PDB file of N, CA and C in Angstrom:
ATOM      1  N   MET A   1     -24.353   8.908  14.346  1.00  0.00           N
ATOM      2  CA  MET A   1     -24.059   8.891  13.652  1.00  0.00           C
ATOM      3  C   MET A   1     -23.036   9.936  12.880  1.00  0.00           C
ATOM      4  N   LYS A   2     -22.594   9.026  11.233  1.00  0.00           N
ATOM      5  CA  LYS A   2     -21.435   9.813  11.136  1.00  0.00           C
ATOM      6  C   LYS A   2     -21.837  10.930  10.363  1.00  0.00           C
ATOM      7  N   HIS A   3     -20.556  11.735  10.162  1.00  0.00           N
ATOM      8  CA  HIS A   3     -20.911  14.101   9.508  1.00  0.00           C
ATOM      9  C   HIS A   3     -19.839  12.991   8.848  1.00  0.00           C
ATOM     10  N   PRO A   4     -21.059  13.700   7.660  1.00  0.00           N
ATOM     11  CA  PRO A   4     -20.206  14.307   6.378  1.00  0.00           C
ATOM     12  C   PRO A   4     -18.893  14.096   6.226  1.00  0.00           C
ATOM     13  N   VAL A   5     -18.093  15.019   7.226  1.00  0.00           N
ATOM     14  CA  VAL A   5     -16.444  15.067   6.773  1.00  0.00           C
ATOM     15  C   VAL A   5     -15.600  14.054   7.119  1.00  0.00           C
ATOM     16  N   ASP A   6     -16.282  13.567   8.204  1.00  0.00           N
ATOM     17  CA  ASP A   6     -15.631  12.259   8.565  1.00  0.00           C
ATOM     18  C   ASP A   6     -16.289  11.088   7.375  1.00  0.00           C
ATOM     19  N   ALA A   7     -17.421  10.692   6.876  1.00  0.00           N
ATOM     20  CA  ALA A   7     -17.050   9.937   5.232  1.00  0.00           C
ATOM     21  C   ALA A   7     -16.478  10.280   4.023  1.00  0.00           C
ATOM     22  N   HIS A   8     -16.072  11.977   3.913  1.00  0.00           N
ATOM     23  CA  HIS A   8     -15.788  12.004   2.881  1.00  0.00           C
ATOM     24  C   HIS A   8     -14.090  11.584   3.533  1.00  0.00           C
ATOM     25  N   VAL A   9     -13.842  11.891   4.195  1.00  0.00           N
ATOM     26  CA  VAL A   9     -12.358  11.799   4.008  1.00  0.00           C
ATOM     27  C   VAL A   9     -12.348  10.546   3.998  1.00  0.00           C
ATOM     28  N   GLY A  10     -12.909   9.499   4.508  1.00  0.00           N
ATOM     29  CA  GLY A  10     -13.181   7.880   4.926  1.00  0.00           C
ATOM     30  C   GLY A  10     -12.653   7.592   3.549  1.00  0.00           C
ATOM     31  N   LYS A  11     -13.609   7.869   2.940  1.00  0.00           N
ATOM     32  CA  LYS A  11     -13.825   7.790   0.999  1.00  0.00           C
ATOM     33  C   LYS A  11     -12.659   7.489   0.065  1.00  0.00           C
ATOM     34  N   ARG A  12     -11.894   8.986   0.803  1.00  0.00           N
ATOM     35  CA  ARG A  12     -10.238   9.983  -0.059  1.00  0.00           C
ATOM     36  C   ARG A  12      -9.871   8.375   1.033  1.00  0.00           C
ATOM     37  N   ILE A  13      -9.828   8.616   1.767  1.00  0.00           N
ATOM     38  CA  ILE A  13      -8.641   6.891   2.454  1.00  0.00           C
ATOM     39  C   ILE A  13      -8.274   6.073   1.385  1.00  0.00           C
ATOM     40  N   ARG A  14     -10.065   5.857   1.509  1.00  0.00           N
ATOM     41  CA  ARG A  14     -10.499   4.037   1.038  1.00  0.00           C
ATOM     42  C   ARG A  14      -9.525   3.713  -0.664  1.00  0.00           C
ATOM     43  N   HIS A  15     -10.532   5.080  -1.415  1.00  0.00           N
ATOM     44  CA  HIS A  15      -9.833   5.401  -2.875  1.00  0.00           C
ATOM     45  C   HIS A  15      -8.101   5.219  -2.852  1.00  0.00           C
ATOM     46  N   ARG A  16      -7.661   6.288  -2.239  1.00  0.00           N
ATOM     47  CA  ARG A  16      -6.760   6.710  -2.286  1.00  0.00           C
ATOM     48  C   ARG A  16      -5.043   5.438  -1.844  1.00  0.00           C
ATOM     49  N   ARG A  17      -5.639   4.832  -1.018  1.00  0.00           N
ATOM     50  CA  ARG A  17      -5.573   2.688  -0.696  1.00  0.00           C
ATOM     51  C   ARG A  17      -5.720   2.043  -2.104  1.00  0.00           C
ATOM     52  N   TRP A  18      -6.928   1.913  -2.669  1.00  0.00           N
ATOM     53  CA  TRP A  18      -7.145   1.388  -3.896  1.00  0.00           C
ATOM     54  C   TRP A  18      -5.866   1.797  -5.141  1.00  0.00           C
ATOM     55  N   MET A  19      -6.464   3.037  -4.955  1.00  0.00           N
ATOM     56  CA  MET A  19      -5.100   3.582  -6.159  1.00  0.00           C
ATOM     57  C   MET A  19      -3.233   2.877  -6.208  1.00  0.00           C
ATOM     58  N   VAL A  20      -2.759   2.914  -5.217  1.00  0.00           N
ATOM     59  CA  VAL A  20      -1.464   2.629  -5.532  1.00  0.00           C
ATOM     60  C   VAL A  20      -2.110   1.058  -4.691  1.00  0.00           C
ATOM     61  N   GLY A  21      -2.400   0.444  -4.494  1.00  0.00           N
ATOM     62  CA  GLY A  21      -2.209  -1.047  -4.076  1.00  0.00           C
ATOM     63  C   GLY A  21      -1.848  -1.626  -3.198  1.00  0.00           C
ATOM     64  N   MET A  22      -2.483  -0.627  -2.481  1.00  0.00           N
ATOM     65  CA  MET A  22      -2.409  -1.420  -1.339  1.00  0.00           C
ATOM     66  C   MET A  22      -3.857  -1.833   0.029  1.00  0.00           C
ATOM     67  N   THR A  23      -3.726  -2.990   0.566  1.00  0.00           N
ATOM     68  CA  THR A  23      -4.952  -3.527   1.554  1.00  0.00           C
ATOM     69  C   THR A  23      -4.669  -3.034   2.781  1.00  0.00           C
ATOM     70  N   GLN A  24      -5.943  -2.899   3.474  1.00  0.00           N
ATOM     71  CA  GLN A  24      -5.703  -2.201   4.856  1.00  0.00           C
ATOM     72  C   GLN A  24      -5.017  -2.522   5.657  1.00  0.00           C
ATOM     73  N   GLN A  25      -4.945  -3.689   5.550  1.00  0.00           N
ATOM     74  CA  GLN A  25      -3.703  -4.506   6.499  1.00  0.00           C
ATOM     75  C   GLN A  25      -1.951  -3.259   6.050  1.00  0.00           C
ATOM     76  N   GLN A  26      -1.544  -3.117   5.007  1.00  0.00           N
ATOM     77  CA  GLN A  26      -0.372  -3.759   4.842  1.00  0.00           C
ATOM     78  C   GLN A  26      -0.303  -1.600   5.369  1.00  0.00           C
ATOM     79  N   LEU A  27      -1.728  -0.979   4.676  1.00  0.00           N
ATOM     80  CA  LEU A  27      -2.168   0.691   5.342  1.00  0.00           C
ATOM     81  C   LEU A  27      -1.380   0.387   6.992  1.00  0.00           C
ATOM     82  N   ALA A  28      -2.091  -0.515   7.898  1.00  0.00           N
ATOM     83  CA  ALA A  28      -2.569  -0.265   9.325  1.00  0.00           C
ATOM     84  C   ALA A  28      -1.496  -0.362   9.842  1.00  0.00           C
ATOM     85  N   ASP A  29      -0.638  -1.654   9.219  1.00  0.00           N
ATOM     86  CA  ASP A  29       1.251  -1.538   9.628  1.00  0.00           C
ATOM     87  C   ASP A  29       1.913  -0.752   9.137  1.00  0.00           C
ATOM     88  N   LYS A  30       1.158   0.112   8.118  1.00  0.00           N
ATOM     89  CA  LYS A  30       2.741   1.207   7.910  1.00  0.00           C
ATOM     90  C   LYS A  30       2.271   3.055   8.692  1.00  0.00           C
ATOM     91  N   VAL A  31       0.856   2.280   9.215  1.00  0.00           N
ATOM     92  CA  VAL A  31       0.784   3.498  10.173  1.00  0.00           C
ATOM     93  C   VAL A  31       0.787   3.503  11.882  1.00  0.00           C
ATOM     94  N   GLY A  32       0.407   1.585  12.016  1.00  0.00           N
ATOM     95  CA  GLY A  32       1.151   0.988  13.151  1.00  0.00           C
ATOM     96  C   GLY A  32      -0.475   0.835  14.140  1.00  0.00           C
ATOM     97  N   ILE A  33      -1.327   0.781  13.001  1.00  0.00           N
ATOM     98  CA  ILE A  33      -2.529   0.028  14.383  1.00  0.00           C
ATOM     99  C   ILE A  33      -3.641  -0.878  13.384  1.00  0.00           C
ATOM    100  N   LYS A  34      -3.717  -1.258  13.997  1.00  0.00           N
ATOM    101  CA  LYS A  34      -4.604  -2.833  13.085  1.00  0.00           C
ATOM    102  C   LYS A  34      -5.734  -2.430  12.438  1.00  0.00           C
ATOM    103  N   PHE A  35      -5.913  -3.513  10.496  1.00  0.00           N
ATOM    104  CA  PHE A  35      -6.834  -2.544  10.137  1.00  0.00           C
ATOM    105  C   PHE A  35      -7.913  -2.374  10.349  1.00  0.00           C
ATOM    106  N   GLN A  36      -8.774  -3.078  11.355  1.00  0.00           N
ATOM    107  CA  GLN A  36     -10.393  -2.847  11.894  1.00  0.00           C
ATOM    108  C   GLN A  36     -10.206  -1.386  11.741  1.00  0.00           C
ATOM    109  N   GLN A  37      -9.067  -0.194  12.024  1.00  0.00           N
ATOM    110  CA  GLN A  37      -9.305   0.765  12.203  1.00  0.00           C
ATOM    111  C   GLN A  37      -9.180   1.706  11.546  1.00  0.00           C
ATOM    112  N   ILE A  38      -8.355   0.626   9.886  1.00  0.00           N
ATOM    113  CA  ILE A  38      -8.871   1.139   9.235  1.00  0.00           C
ATOM    114  C   ILE A  38     -10.179   1.615   8.379  1.00  0.00           C
ATOM    115  N   GLN A  39     -10.467  -0.523   8.757  1.00  0.00           N
ATOM    116  CA  GLN A  39     -12.115   0.073   8.224  1.00  0.00           C
ATOM    117  C   GLN A  39     -13.062   0.787   8.793  1.00  0.00           C
ATOM    118  N   LYS A  40     -12.421   1.761   9.950  1.00  0.00           N
ATOM    119  CA  LYS A  40     -13.799   2.004  10.804  1.00  0.00           C
ATOM    120  C   LYS A  40     -13.409   3.240  10.314  1.00  0.00           C
ATOM    121  N   TYR A  41     -11.870   3.861   9.573  1.00  0.00           N
ATOM    122  CA  TYR A  41     -12.564   5.281   9.030  1.00  0.00           C
ATOM    123  C   TYR A  41     -12.227   5.481   8.199  1.00  0.00           C
ATOM    124  N   GLU A  42     -12.531   4.420   7.203  1.00  0.00           N
ATOM    125  CA  GLU A  42     -12.653   4.376   5.643  1.00  0.00           C
ATOM    126  C   GLU A  42     -13.915   4.263   5.894  1.00  0.00           C
ATOM    127  N   THR A  43     -15.064   4.048   6.382  1.00  0.00           N
ATOM    128  CA  THR A  43     -16.618   4.234   6.531  1.00  0.00           C
ATOM    129  C   THR A  43     -16.595   5.342   6.712  1.00  0.00           C
ATOM    130  N   GLY A  44     -16.019   5.940   8.219  1.00  0.00           N
ATOM    131  CA  GLY A  44     -16.406   7.417   8.804  1.00  0.00           C
ATOM    132  C   GLY A  44     -17.028   7.271   9.946  1.00  0.00           C
ATOM    133  N   MET A  45     -16.765   5.474  10.186  1.00  0.00           N
ATOM    134  CA  MET A  45     -18.052   5.876  11.578  1.00  0.00           C
ATOM    135  C   MET A  45     -16.644   6.518  12.861  1.00  0.00           C
ATOM    136  N   ASN A  46     -15.330   5.881  12.179  1.00  0.00           N
ATOM    137  CA  ASN A  46     -14.945   6.467  13.308  1.00  0.00           C
ATOM    138  C   ASN A  46     -13.352   7.634  12.826  1.00  0.00           C
ATOM    139  N   ARG A  47     -13.745   8.926  13.081  1.00  0.00           N
ATOM    140  CA  ARG A  47     -12.685  10.066  13.225  1.00  0.00           C
ATOM    141  C   ARG A  47     -11.929   9.643  13.332  1.00  0.00           C
ATOM    142  N   VAL A  48     -10.654  10.254  11.966  1.00  0.00           N
ATOM    143  CA  VAL A  48      -9.893  10.329  12.104  1.00  0.00           C
ATOM    144  C   VAL A  48      -8.871  11.793  13.037  1.00  0.00           C
ATOM    145  N   SER A  49      -7.764  10.995  14.122  1.00  0.00           N
ATOM    146  CA  SER A  49      -7.376  12.499  14.908  1.00  0.00           C
ATOM    147  C   SER A  49      -5.920  13.270  13.593  1.00  0.00           C
ATOM    148  N   ALA A  50      -5.592  14.480  13.364  1.00  0.00           N
ATOM    149  CA  ALA A  50      -5.218  15.319  13.033  1.00  0.00           C
ATOM    150  C   ALA A  50      -3.250  14.220  12.940  1.00  0.00           C
ATOM    151  N   SER A  51      -3.308  13.664  13.717  1.00  0.00           N
ATOM    152  CA  SER A  51      -1.640  13.299  13.597  1.00  0.00           C
ATOM    153  C   SER A  51      -2.456  12.006  13.334  1.00  0.00           C
ATOM    154  N   ARG A  52      -2.889  10.540  12.572  1.00  0.00           N
ATOM    155  CA  ARG A  52      -2.898  10.135  12.661  1.00  0.00           C
ATOM    156  C   ARG A  52      -3.621   9.679  10.912  1.00  0.00           C
ATOM    157  N   LEU A  53      -4.386  11.439  10.270  1.00  0.00           N
ATOM    158  CA  LEU A  53      -4.348  11.035   9.011  1.00  0.00           C
ATOM    159  C   LEU A  53      -3.034  12.032   8.281  1.00  0.00           C
ATOM    160  N   TRP A  54      -2.163  12.479   9.033  1.00  0.00           N
ATOM    161  CA  TRP A  54      -0.586  13.030   8.629  1.00  0.00           C
ATOM    162  C   TRP A  54       0.030  11.406   8.457  1.00  0.00           C
ATOM    163  N   ASP A  55      -0.174  10.731   9.374  1.00  0.00           N
ATOM    164  CA  ASP A  55       0.521   9.236   9.281  1.00  0.00           C
ATOM    165  C   ASP A  55       0.409   8.814   8.122  1.00  0.00           C
ATOM    166  N   ILE A  56      -1.203   9.064   8.016  1.00  0.00           N
ATOM    167  CA  ILE A  56      -1.756   7.937   6.867  1.00  0.00           C
ATOM    168  C   ILE A  56      -1.432   8.304   5.213  1.00  0.00           C
ATOM    169  N   ALA A  57      -1.845   9.316   5.238  1.00  0.00           N
ATOM    170  CA  ALA A  57      -0.964  10.868   4.234  1.00  0.00           C
ATOM    171  C   ALA A  57       0.372  10.551   3.651  1.00  0.00           C
ATOM    172  N   ASP A  58       1.006   9.936   4.605  1.00  0.00           N
ATOM    173  CA  ASP A  58       2.474   9.864   4.138  1.00  0.00           C
ATOM    174  C   ASP A  58       2.504   8.707   4.183  1.00  0.00           C
ATOM    175  N   ALA A  59       2.045   7.405   4.315  1.00  0.00           N
ATOM    176  CA  ALA A  59       1.610   6.411   4.058  1.00  0.00           C
ATOM    177  C   ALA A  59       1.208   6.105   2.441  1.00  0.00           C
ATOM    178  N   LEU A  60       0.158   7.146   2.302  1.00  0.00           N
ATOM    179  CA  LEU A  60      -0.276   7.113   0.944  1.00  0.00           C
ATOM    180  C   LEU A  60       0.225   7.881  -0.389  1.00  0.00           C
ATOM    181  N   GLY A  61       1.045   8.568  -0.009  1.00  0.00           N
ATOM    182  CA  GLY A  61       2.039   9.406  -0.513  1.00  0.00           C
ATOM    183  C   GLY A  61       1.311  10.822  -0.930  1.00  0.00           C
ATOM    184  N   VAL A  62       0.397  11.459   0.178  1.00  0.00           N
ATOM    185  CA  VAL A  62       0.118  12.121  -0.814  1.00  0.00           C
ATOM    186  C   VAL A  62      -0.428  13.577   0.586  1.00  0.00           C
ATOM    187  N   GLN A  63      -0.655  14.602   0.282  1.00  0.00           N
ATOM    188  CA  GLN A  63      -0.603  15.759   1.343  1.00  0.00           C
ATOM    189  C   GLN A  63      -2.176  15.642   2.075  1.00  0.00           C
ATOM    190  N   ILE A  64      -1.637  16.162   3.550  1.00  0.00           N
ATOM    191  CA  ILE A  64      -3.222  15.954   4.122  1.00  0.00           C
ATOM    192  C   ILE A  64      -4.568  16.449   3.432  1.00  0.00           C
ATOM    193  N   ALA A  65      -3.770  17.542   2.264  1.00  0.00           N
ATOM    194  CA  ALA A  65      -5.084  18.672   1.601  1.00  0.00           C
ATOM    195  C   ALA A  65      -6.241  17.089   0.759  1.00  0.00           C
ATOM    196  N   PHE A  66      -5.650  16.318   0.300  1.00  0.00           N
ATOM    197  CA  PHE A  66      -5.600  15.151  -1.055  1.00  0.00           C
ATOM    198  C   PHE A  66      -7.435  14.631  -0.102  1.00  0.00           C
ATOM    199  N   PHE A  67      -7.713  14.498   1.454  1.00  0.00           N
ATOM    200  CA  PHE A  67      -8.039  14.131   1.855  1.00  0.00           C
ATOM    201  C   PHE A  67      -9.523  14.611   1.633  1.00  0.00           C
ATOM    202  N   PHE A  68      -9.689  16.056   1.666  1.00  0.00           N
ATOM    203  CA  PHE A  68     -10.704  17.140   1.811  1.00  0.00           C
ATOM    204  C   PHE A  68     -10.750  17.877   0.140  1.00  0.00           C
ATOM    205  N   GLU A  69     -10.344  16.770  -0.477  1.00  0.00           N
ATOM    206  CA  GLU A  69     -11.200  18.044  -1.774  1.00  0.00           C
ATOM    207  C   GLU A  69     -12.051  16.976  -2.556  1.00  0.00           C
ATOM    208  N   GLY A  70     -12.263  17.799  -2.862  1.00  0.00           N
ATOM    209  CA  GLY A  70     -14.603  17.394  -3.891  1.00  0.00           C
ATOM    210  C   GLY A  70     -15.240  18.048  -2.808  1.00  0.00           C
ATOM    211  N   LEU A  71     -14.701  18.249  -1.298  1.00  0.00           N
ATOM    212  CA  LEU A  71     -15.167  18.603   0.283  1.00  0.00           C
ATOM    213  C   LEU A  71     -16.048  20.107   0.411  1.00  0.00           C
ATOM    214  N   SER A  72     -16.499  19.995  -0.280  1.00  0.00           N
ATOM    215  CA  SER A  72     -18.047  22.465  -0.262  1.00  0.00           C
ATOM    216  C   SER A  72     -18.858  21.887   0.064  1.00  0.00           C
ATOM    217  N   GLU A  73     -19.145  22.899   0.545  1.00  0.00           N
ATOM    218  CA  GLU A  73     -20.843  23.694   1.539  1.00  0.00           C
ATOM    219  C   GLU A  73     -21.662  22.991   1.027  1.00  0.00           C
ATOM    220  N   ASP A  74     -21.417  22.562  -0.983  1.00  0.00           N
ATOM    221  CA  ASP A  74     -22.760  21.929  -2.163  1.00  0.00           C
ATOM    222  C   ASP A  74     -22.593  20.623  -1.627  1.00  0.00           C
ATOM    223  N   GLN A  75     -22.741  19.925  -0.971  1.00  0.00           N
ATOM    224  CA  GLN A  75     -22.874  18.620  -0.579  1.00  0.00           C
ATOM    225  C   GLN A  75     -23.557  17.566  -1.760  1.00  0.00           C
ATOM    226  N   GLN A  76     -24.413  18.253  -3.108  1.00  0.00           N
ATOM    227  CA  GLN A  76     -24.957  17.736  -3.782  1.00  0.00           C
ATOM    228  C   GLN A  76     -23.897  17.522  -4.934  1.00  0.00           C
ATOM    229  N   SER A  77     -22.705  18.545  -5.009  1.00  0.00           N
ATOM    230  CA  SER A  77     -21.619  18.345  -5.987  1.00  0.00           C
ATOM    231  C   SER A  77     -20.843  17.183  -5.332  1.00  0.00           C
ATOM    232  N   ALA A  78     -20.826  16.949  -3.848  1.00  0.00           N
ATOM    233  CA  ALA A  78     -19.509  16.588  -3.325  1.00  0.00           C
ATOM    234  C   ALA A  78     -20.137  14.587  -3.544  1.00  0.00           C
ATOM    235  N   SER A  79     -21.528  14.387  -3.102  1.00  0.00           N
ATOM    236  CA  SER A  79     -22.183  13.095  -3.882  1.00  0.00           C
ATOM    237  C   SER A  79     -21.516  12.880  -5.620  1.00  0.00           C
ATOM    238  N   THR A  80     -22.171  13.899  -6.242  1.00  0.00           N
ATOM    239  CA  THR A  80     -21.623  13.590  -6.859  1.00  0.00           C
ATOM    240  C   THR A  80     -20.595  12.732  -7.558  1.00  0.00           C
ATOM    241  N   GLN A  81     -19.498  13.864  -6.987  1.00  0.00           N
ATOM    242  CA  GLN A  81     -18.254  13.346  -7.076  1.00  0.00           C
ATOM    243  C   GLN A  81     -17.761  11.695  -6.546  1.00  0.00           C
ATOM    244  N   GLY A  82     -18.965  11.362  -5.708  1.00  0.00           N
ATOM    245  CA  GLY A  82     -18.720  10.728  -5.159  1.00  0.00           C
ATOM    246  C   GLY A  82     -19.343   9.557  -5.763  1.00  0.00           C
ATOM    247  N   ASP A  83     -20.038   9.319  -6.266  1.00  0.00           N
ATOM    248  CA  ASP A  83     -20.807   8.475  -7.065  1.00  0.00           C
ATOM    249  C   ASP A  83     -19.769   8.087  -7.836  1.00  0.00           C
ATOM    250  N   ILE A  84     -18.979   8.755  -8.649  1.00  0.00           N
ATOM    251  CA  ILE A  84     -18.383   8.501  -9.942  1.00  0.00           C
ATOM    252  C   ILE A  84     -17.217   8.007  -9.216  1.00  0.00           C
ATOM    253  N   LEU A  85     -16.609   8.170  -7.800  1.00  0.00           N
ATOM    254  CA  LEU A  85     -15.319   7.396  -7.572  1.00  0.00           C
ATOM    255  C   LEU A  85     -16.461   5.647  -7.594  1.00  0.00           C
ATOM    256  N   ALA A  86     -16.880   6.006  -6.930  1.00  0.00           N
ATOM    257  CA  ALA A  86     -17.680   4.599  -5.918  1.00  0.00           C
ATOM    258  C   ALA A  86     -17.790   3.354  -6.676  1.00  0.00           C
ATOM    259  N   ASP A  87     -17.584   3.779  -8.442  1.00  0.00           N
ATOM    260  CA  ASP A  87     -18.078   2.991  -9.888  1.00  0.00           C
ATOM    261  C   ASP A  87     -16.180   2.152  -9.999  1.00  0.00           C
ATOM    262  N   LYS A  88     -16.495   0.363  -9.576  1.00  0.00           N
ATOM    263  CA  LYS A  88     -15.324   0.201  -9.869  1.00  0.00           C
ATOM    264  C   LYS A  88     -14.146  -0.087 -11.163  1.00  0.00           C
ATOM    265  N   GLU A  89     -14.738   0.702 -11.876  1.00  0.00           N
ATOM    266  CA  GLU A  89     -14.787   0.711 -13.208  1.00  0.00           C
ATOM    267  C   GLU A  89     -14.347   1.705 -13.479  1.00  0.00           C
ATOM    268  N   ALA A  90     -14.609   3.059 -13.101  1.00  0.00           N
ATOM    269  CA  ALA A  90     -13.492   3.686 -13.140  1.00  0.00           C
ATOM    270  C   ALA A  90     -12.459   4.060 -12.638  1.00  0.00           C
ATOM    271  N   LEU A  91     -12.666   3.915 -11.096  1.00  0.00           N
ATOM    272  CA  LEU A  91     -11.125   3.087 -10.404  1.00  0.00           C
ATOM    273  C   LEU A  91     -10.518   2.741 -10.996  1.00  0.00           C
ATOM    274  N   GLU A  92     -10.520   1.219 -11.561  1.00  0.00           N
ATOM    275  CA  GLU A  92      -9.875   0.691 -12.676  1.00  0.00           C
ATOM    276  C   GLU A  92      -8.927   1.379 -13.476  1.00  0.00           C
ATOM    277  N   LEU A  93      -9.485   2.147 -14.006  1.00  0.00           N
ATOM    278  CA  LEU A  93      -9.506   2.897 -15.245  1.00  0.00           C
ATOM    279  C   LEU A  93      -8.263   3.585 -14.440  1.00  0.00           C
ATOM    280  N   VAL A  94      -8.627   4.215 -13.856  1.00  0.00           N
ATOM    281  CA  VAL A  94      -8.069   5.727 -13.472  1.00  0.00           C
ATOM    282  C   VAL A  94      -6.315   5.241 -12.786  1.00  0.00           C
ATOM    283  N   ARG A  95      -6.162   3.745 -12.170  1.00  0.00           N
ATOM    284  CA  ARG A  95      -5.075   2.724 -11.708  1.00  0.00           C
ATOM    285  C   ARG A  95      -4.855   2.978 -12.543  1.00  0.00           C
ATOM    286  N   SER A  96      -5.210   1.848 -13.643  1.00  0.00           N
ATOM    287  CA  SER A  96      -4.569   1.417 -15.001  1.00  0.00           C
ATOM    288  C   SER A  96      -3.378   2.857 -15.999  1.00  0.00           C
ATOM    289  N   TYR A  97      -4.366   3.852 -15.771  1.00  0.00           N
ATOM    290  CA  TYR A  97      -4.248   5.541 -16.425  1.00  0.00           C
ATOM    291  C   TYR A  97      -2.933   5.895 -15.783  1.00  0.00           C
ATOM    292  N   TYR A  98      -2.961   5.752 -14.340  1.00  0.00           N
ATOM    293  CA  TYR A  98      -1.342   6.167 -13.535  1.00  0.00           C
ATOM    294  C   TYR A  98      -0.368   5.357 -14.188  1.00  0.00           C
ATOM    295  N   ALA A  99      -1.310   4.275 -14.125  1.00  0.00           N
ATOM    296  CA  ALA A  99       0.510   3.284 -14.072  1.00  0.00           C
ATOM    297  C   ALA A  99       1.629   3.207 -15.605  1.00  0.00           C
ATOM    298  N   ILE A 100       0.793   4.204 -16.383  1.00  0.00           N
ATOM    299  CA  ILE A 100       1.440   4.415 -17.539  1.00  0.00           C
ATOM    300  C   ILE A 100       2.445   5.500 -17.740  1.00  0.00           C
ATOM    301  N   PRO A 101       4.080   5.463 -18.633  1.00  0.00           N
ATOM    302  CA  PRO A 101       4.252   6.497 -18.414  1.00  0.00           C
ATOM    303  C   PRO A 101       3.776   8.316 -18.424  1.00  0.00           C
ATOM    304  N   GLU A 102       4.629   8.235 -18.025  1.00  0.00           N
ATOM    305  CA  GLU A 102       4.009   9.719 -17.900  1.00  0.00           C
ATOM    306  C   GLU A 102       3.788  10.691 -19.377  1.00  0.00           C
ATOM    307  N   ALA A 103       5.039  10.592 -19.796  1.00  0.00           N
ATOM    308  CA  ALA A 103       4.804  10.892 -21.577  1.00  0.00           C
ATOM    309  C   ALA A 103       3.348  10.178 -22.351  1.00  0.00           C
ATOM    310  N   GLN A 104       3.348   8.962 -22.491  1.00  0.00           N
ATOM    311  CA  GLN A 104       2.587   7.898 -23.187  1.00  0.00           C
ATOM    312  C   GLN A 104       1.493   8.326 -22.453  1.00  0.00           C
ATOM    313  N   ARG A 105       1.273   8.163 -20.792  1.00  0.00           N
ATOM    314  CA  ARG A 105      -0.227   8.712 -20.126  1.00  0.00           C
ATOM    315  C   ARG A 105      -1.077  10.451 -21.194  1.00  0.00           C
ATOM    316  N   ARG A 106       0.134  11.304 -20.958  1.00  0.00           N
ATOM    317  CA  ARG A 106      -0.652  12.730 -21.840  1.00  0.00           C
ATOM    318  C   ARG A 106      -0.976  12.881 -23.166  1.00  0.00           C
ATOM    319  N   ARG A 107       0.505  11.724 -23.807  1.00  0.00           N
ATOM    320  CA  ARG A 107      -0.547  11.041 -25.226  1.00  0.00           C
ATOM    321  C   ARG A 107      -2.181  10.034 -25.416  1.00  0.00           C
ATOM    322  N   LEU A 108      -2.751   9.851 -24.595  1.00  0.00           N
ATOM    323  CA  LEU A 108      -3.458   9.171 -24.241  1.00  0.00           C
ATOM    324  C   LEU A 108      -4.660  10.093 -23.519  1.00  0.00           C
ATOM    325  N   PHE A 109      -4.336  10.433 -23.204  1.00  0.00           N
ATOM    326  CA  PHE A 109      -5.169  11.291 -22.283  1.00  0.00           C
ATOM    327  C   PHE A 109      -5.708  12.905 -23.162  1.00  0.00           C
ATOM    328  N   ASP A 110      -4.769  13.139 -23.833  1.00  0.00           N
ATOM    329  CA  ASP A 110      -5.060  14.011 -25.187  1.00  0.00           C
ATOM    330  C   ASP A 110      -6.059  13.255 -26.209  1.00  0.00           C
ATOM    331  N   LEU A 111      -5.377  12.228 -26.319  1.00  0.00           N
ATOM    332  CA  LEU A 111      -6.832  11.180 -27.554  1.00  0.00           C
ATOM    333  C   LEU A 111      -7.599  10.695 -27.234  1.00  0.00           C
ATOM    334  N   ALA A 112      -8.276  11.177 -25.625  1.00  0.00           N
ATOM    335  CA  ALA A 112      -9.170  10.687 -25.069  1.00  0.00           C
ATOM    336  C   ALA A 112      -9.956  12.452 -25.038  1.00  0.00           C
ATOM    337  N   ARG A 113      -9.333  13.633 -24.911  1.00  0.00           N
ATOM    338  CA  ARG A 113     -10.229  14.412 -24.879  1.00  0.00           C
ATOM    339  C   ARG A 113     -10.642  14.931 -26.675  1.00  0.00           C
ATOM    340  N   VAL A 114      -9.773  14.424 -27.369  1.00  0.00           N
ATOM    341  CA  VAL A 114     -10.306  14.188 -29.169  1.00  0.00           C
ATOM    342  C   VAL A 114     -11.852  13.548 -28.738  1.00  0.00           C
ATOM    343  N   LEU A 115     -11.682  12.513 -28.712  1.00  0.00           N
ATOM    344  CA  LEU A 115     -12.367  11.206 -28.781  1.00  0.00           C
ATOM    345  C   LEU A 115     -14.211  11.447 -28.223  1.00  0.00           C
ATOM    346  N   SER A 116     -14.151  12.089 -27.285  1.00  0.00           N
ATOM    347  CA  SER A 116     -15.220  13.236 -26.011  1.00  0.00           C
ATOM    348  C   SER A 116     -15.075  13.958 -26.611  1.00  0.00           C
ATOM    349  N   GLU A 117     -14.135  15.574 -27.503  1.00  0.00           N
ATOM    350  CA  GLU A 117     -15.086  16.554 -27.700  1.00  0.00           C
ATOM    351  C   GLU A 117     -15.668  15.516 -29.020  1.00  0.00           C
ATOM    352  N   ALA A 118     -15.659  14.767 -30.111  1.00  0.00           N
ATOM    353  CA  ALA A 118     -15.839  14.218 -31.281  1.00  0.00           C
ATOM    354  C   ALA A 118     -17.490  13.049 -31.234  1.00  0.00           C
ATOM    355  N   ALA A 119     -17.655  12.840 -29.849  1.00  0.00           N
ATOM    356  CA  ALA A 119     -18.462  12.380 -29.108  1.00  0.00           C
ATOM    357  C   ALA A 119     -19.990  13.141 -29.433  1.00  0.00           C
TER     358      ALA A 119
END
């Protein structure tokens, strides 16, 4: 049976890998394991050890804390965030957003905020 924390960490691995445009095979190669193991981590079927999580964080360019963001004792809020991140359109939008140079991204963010307040 999956532990909710393992499932959350796995989802965060998958989302970050997708955000940086890396395949499971590429991540596995960087970490020195088989891609099937990455699949098991991402589904939460296998628990990620501390040292392996360190390697994955390094390969994906994030701090280890990234994998625990959004995790709280209130699983209701964590599951709500998970639903948003599961939407492929939302993930593609975020990925495209971060591909924009920072100065232009800031202006786009300000525009989106103004438009959302007007809606």
